[in-house]
């Protein structure tokens, strides 16, 4: 079953007198449970694609169906609800709230979704155990290492149990060893059925995915699958 279906997606930006076609007539299907790497040079459209998949941006034309539902026609509030419940984000720069502890950062999506405190506490305690953060629960981001911050970010991204994780250069700010640990965490989520889409400049990281999409000038230049 297709989790993601894009048909004829166009997205352009105006830079001075120039129109830049970030995505041009893009068609793409991603099945539930896939592990996909999106690669290509800067300006190829991969970040625009990720923003569209994450409902952080809208196309000028075309259709995006998520779990069979056309999400391009939803209001901003409806899109925000879908984003909260169905999509998890992992960013290169972590995007944690500086004044909140690790536990509070992980709980944030549930707080915004109105999940009751007892259930929030139960899920956060489990996430802290799962990601090896039990002894960092009360630490703020500036008291954590880069790897610990990214683990908090992944725990926050998955706390609502979304079927889709979008990761934008998730190892970009980490050393090689810590980056490997983070990728193993993401791959374990994929092994449990979560659809994983990773945008990366790192060819070695991209090669780990079972499917590689190479973008160029807003179009899909290559779509290859590893048996």
Protein backbone atom coordinates (compact mmCIF):
# COMPACT_ATOMS: atom_id res chain seq x y z
CA UNK A 1 0.00 0.00 0.00
CA UNK A 2 1.26 3.50 -0.86
CA UNK A 3 1.74 5.67 2.21
CA UNK A 4 2.79 8.64 0.05
CA UNK A 5 1.50 9.47 -3.44
CA UNK A 6 2.64 12.62 -5.24
CA UNK A 7 1.20 13.47 -8.66
CA UNK A 8 2.34 16.42 -10.80
CA UNK A 9 3.80 18.38 -7.89
CA UNK A 10 5.10 21.84 -8.81
CA UNK A 11 6.73 24.26 -6.38
CA UNK A 12 8.56 27.38 -7.49
CA UNK A 13 10.09 30.36 -5.71
CA UNK A 14 10.70 33.89 -6.93
CA UNK A 15 14.28 35.12 -6.43
CA UNK A 16 14.37 38.67 -7.72
CA UNK A 17 13.43 38.49 -11.41
CA UNK A 18 14.13 34.76 -11.58
CA UNK A 19 11.63 31.94 -11.03
CA UNK A 20 13.30 28.90 -9.48
CA UNK A 21 11.48 25.60 -10.03
CA UNK A 22 12.29 23.74 -6.82
CA UNK A 23 10.00 20.86 -7.85
CA UNK A 24 8.76 20.39 -11.41
CA UNK A 25 6.00 17.93 -12.28
CA UNK A 26 7.14 15.45 -9.64
CA UNK A 27 5.45 12.04 -9.44
CA UNK A 28 6.43 9.75 -6.55
CA UNK A 29 5.01 6.80 -4.62
CA UNK A 30 6.48 5.53 -1.35
CA UNK A 31 5.05 2.36 0.16
CA UNK A 32 4.39 1.91 3.86
CA UNK A 33 7.51 0.59 5.63
CA UNK A 34 10.04 1.72 3.00
CA UNK A 35 13.50 3.11 3.83
CA UNK A 36 14.25 5.87 1.32
CA UNK A 37 17.26 8.18 0.94
CA UNK A 38 16.79 11.45 -0.96
CA UNK A 39 20.05 12.74 -2.41
CA UNK A 40 21.30 15.36 -4.85
CA UNK A 41 23.30 18.60 -4.94
CA UNK A 42 22.27 21.78 -3.12
CA UNK A 43 19.35 23.37 -4.92
CA UNK A 44 18.15 20.06 -6.39
CA UNK A 45 14.81 20.20 -4.56
CA UNK A 46 15.34 17.62 -1.85
CA UNK A 47 14.66 19.97 1.09
CA UNK A 48 11.59 21.36 -0.68
CA UNK A 49 10.38 17.78 -1.18
CA UNK A 50 10.88 17.02 2.52
CA UNK A 51 8.99 20.17 3.55
CA UNK A 52 6.10 19.22 1.28
CA UNK A 53 6.01 15.64 2.59
CA UNK A 54 5.98 17.06 6.12
CA UNK A 55 3.15 19.51 5.36
CA UNK A 56 5.43 22.44 6.16
CA UNK A 57 4.92 23.79 2.64
CA UNK A 58 2.26 23.57 -0.08
CA UNK A 59 2.70 22.89 -3.80
CA UNK A 60 1.39 25.36 -6.38
CA UNK A 61 -0.13 22.48 -8.31
CA UNK A 62 -0.43 18.72 -8.07
CA UNK A 63 -1.78 16.31 -5.48
CA UNK A 64 -0.25 14.84 -2.32
CA UNK A 65 -2.06 11.87 -0.80
CA UNK A 66 -0.95 10.62 2.61
CA UNK A 67 -2.48 7.28 3.64
CA UNK A 68 -4.93 7.71 0.75
CA UNK A 69 -6.10 11.16 1.88
CA UNK A 70 -5.56 14.26 -0.25
CA UNK A 71 -3.75 16.52 2.23
CA UNK A 72 -3.11 19.36 -0.24
CA UNK A 73 -6.74 20.49 0.12
CA UNK A 74 -6.72 20.65 3.94
CA UNK A 75 -6.79 23.90 5.90
CA UNK A 76 -3.62 24.90 7.80
CA UNK A 77 -5.22 23.73 11.08
CA UNK A 78 -6.19 20.38 9.58
CA UNK A 79 -2.67 19.97 8.15
CA UNK A 80 -1.22 20.74 11.59
CA UNK A 81 -3.34 17.97 13.13
CA UNK A 82 -2.21 15.46 10.49
CA UNK A 83 1.42 16.55 10.97
CA UNK A 84 1.17 16.12 14.74
CA UNK A 85 -0.37 12.64 14.62
CA UNK A 86 1.09 11.05 11.48
CA UNK A 87 4.55 12.57 10.82
CA UNK A 88 7.72 12.73 12.93
CA UNK A 89 10.61 15.07 12.14
CA UNK A 90 14.33 14.70 12.90
CA UNK A 91 16.48 17.71 11.99
CA UNK A 92 20.24 18.25 11.66
CA UNK A 93 20.13 21.02 14.28
CA UNK A 94 17.88 19.06 16.70
CA UNK A 95 15.28 21.90 17.12
CA UNK A 96 14.82 21.17 20.83
CA UNK A 97 13.24 23.81 23.10
CA UNK A 98 16.21 25.18 25.12
CA UNK A 99 14.31 25.87 28.36
CA UNK A 100 12.66 22.43 28.51
CA UNK A 101 14.27 19.30 29.95
CA UNK A 102 14.82 16.19 27.85
CA UNK A 103 11.66 14.63 29.29
CA UNK A 104 9.62 17.79 28.64
CA UNK A 105 10.91 18.04 25.05
CA UNK A 106 9.89 14.43 24.42
CA UNK A 107 6.45 15.05 25.95
CA UNK A 108 5.82 18.25 23.95
CA UNK A 109 3.89 16.71 20.99
CA UNK A 110 1.60 14.87 23.42
CA UNK A 111 1.05 18.05 25.46
CA UNK A 112 0.05 19.92 22.29
CA UNK A 113 -2.24 17.04 21.28
CA UNK A 114 -4.02 17.11 24.64
CA UNK A 115 -2.99 13.62 25.77
CA UNK A 116 -3.67 13.12 29.50
CA UNK A 117 -0.73 13.55 31.94
CA UNK A 118 -0.70 9.93 33.14
CA UNK A 119 -0.40 8.61 29.58
CA UNK A 120 2.25 11.24 28.78
CA UNK A 121 4.33 10.18 31.78
CA UNK A 122 4.05 6.51 30.85
CA UNK A 123 5.13 7.07 27.25
CA UNK A 124 7.98 9.44 28.18
CA UNK A 125 9.35 6.99 30.77
CA UNK A 126 9.32 4.23 28.14
CA UNK A 127 10.99 6.49 25.55
CA UNK A 128 13.72 7.50 28.00
CA UNK A 129 14.43 3.81 28.60
CA UNK A 130 14.30 2.92 24.89
CA UNK A 131 16.77 5.65 23.93
CA UNK A 132 19.13 5.26 26.90
CA UNK A 133 18.26 8.66 28.37
CA UNK A 134 16.95 7.70 31.82
CA UNK A 135 19.78 9.58 33.54
CA UNK A 136 19.35 12.67 31.34
CA UNK A 137 15.59 13.18 31.83
CA UNK A 138 16.01 16.41 33.83
CA UNK A 139 18.84 17.86 31.71
CA UNK A 140 18.22 20.77 29.35
CA UNK A 141 19.60 20.58 25.78
CA UNK A 142 22.69 22.67 26.63
CA UNK A 143 23.60 20.03 29.23
CA UNK A 144 23.49 17.19 26.68
CA UNK A 145 25.99 15.97 24.08
CA UNK A 146 25.12 16.16 20.39
CA UNK A 147 24.27 12.47 20.29
CA UNK A 148 22.04 12.76 23.35
CA UNK A 149 20.26 15.76 21.85
CA UNK A 150 19.58 13.84 18.63
CA UNK A 151 18.27 10.87 20.66
CA UNK A 152 15.89 13.24 22.47
CA UNK A 153 14.83 14.59 19.07
CA UNK A 154 14.14 11.07 17.74
CA UNK A 155 12.23 10.17 20.90
CA UNK A 156 10.12 13.32 20.47
CA UNK A 157 9.58 12.53 16.76
CA UNK A 158 8.27 9.04 17.54
CA UNK A 159 6.35 9.65 20.78
CA UNK A 160 3.03 10.02 18.87
CA UNK A 161 3.82 6.71 17.10
CA UNK A 162 3.58 8.19 13.58
CA UNK A 163 3.84 5.90 10.54
CA UNK A 164 6.26 8.32 8.81
CA UNK A 165 9.62 9.72 9.96
CA UNK A 166 11.29 12.48 7.92
CA UNK A 167 14.97 13.00 8.75
CA UNK A 168 16.86 16.01 7.33
CA UNK A 169 20.65 15.40 7.47
CA UNK A 170 20.17 13.64 10.86
CA UNK A 171 23.91 12.98 11.33
CA UNK A 172 25.14 16.31 9.90
CA UNK A 173 26.18 17.79 13.27
CA UNK A 174 27.55 14.57 14.75
CA UNK A 175 30.90 12.80 14.65
CA UNK A 176 31.07 9.55 12.68
CA UNK A 177 30.66 7.21 15.68
CA UNK A 178 27.71 9.13 17.17
CA UNK A 179 26.16 9.43 13.70
CA UNK A 180 26.29 5.64 13.34
CA UNK A 181 24.44 5.25 16.65
CA UNK A 182 21.74 7.68 15.55
CA UNK A 183 21.28 5.95 12.19
CA UNK A 184 20.99 2.57 13.92
CA UNK A 185 18.17 4.02 16.06
CA UNK A 186 16.34 5.27 12.96
CA UNK A 187 16.89 1.97 11.14
CA UNK A 188 15.50 0.07 14.14
CA UNK A 189 12.32 2.13 13.89
CA UNK A 190 12.12 1.29 10.18
CA UNK A 191 12.64 -2.41 10.97
CA UNK A 192 9.54 -2.13 13.18
CA UNK A 193 7.46 -0.88 10.27
CA UNK A 194 7.91 2.91 10.36
CA UNK A 195 8.43 4.49 6.92
CA UNK A 196 11.78 6.33 6.96
CA UNK A 197 12.72 9.10 4.50
CA UNK A 198 16.22 10.53 4.97
CA UNK A 199 17.57 13.57 3.12
CA UNK A 200 21.37 13.44 3.03
CA UNK A 201 24.50 14.69 1.26
CA UNK A 202 26.39 11.71 2.69
CA UNK A 203 26.74 9.01 -0.01
CA UNK A 204 27.64 6.36 2.58
CA UNK A 205 24.50 7.15 4.58
CA UNK A 206 22.36 7.20 1.43
CA UNK A 207 23.70 3.80 0.39
CA UNK A 208 22.29 2.24 3.58
CA UNK A 209 18.71 2.87 2.41
CA UNK A 210 16.94 0.21 0.37
CA UNK A 211 15.78 2.86 -2.10
CA UNK A 212 17.71 5.91 -3.34
CA UNK A 213 16.07 8.91 -4.98
CA UNK A 214 18.48 11.31 -6.70
CA UNK A 215 17.08 14.80 -7.33
CA UNK A 216 18.32 17.29 -9.92
CA UNK A 217 16.76 20.64 -10.85
CA UNK A 218 13.50 19.79 -9.10
CA UNK A 219 13.07 16.49 -10.90
CA UNK A 220 13.66 12.86 -10.04
CA UNK A 221 16.86 12.00 -11.93
CA UNK A 222 17.23 8.48 -10.56
CA UNK A 223 15.10 6.05 -8.54
CA UNK A 224 16.92 2.84 -7.66
CA UNK A 225 16.10 0.01 -5.27
CA UNK A 226 18.55 -2.33 -3.59
CA UNK A 227 17.32 -5.94 -3.58
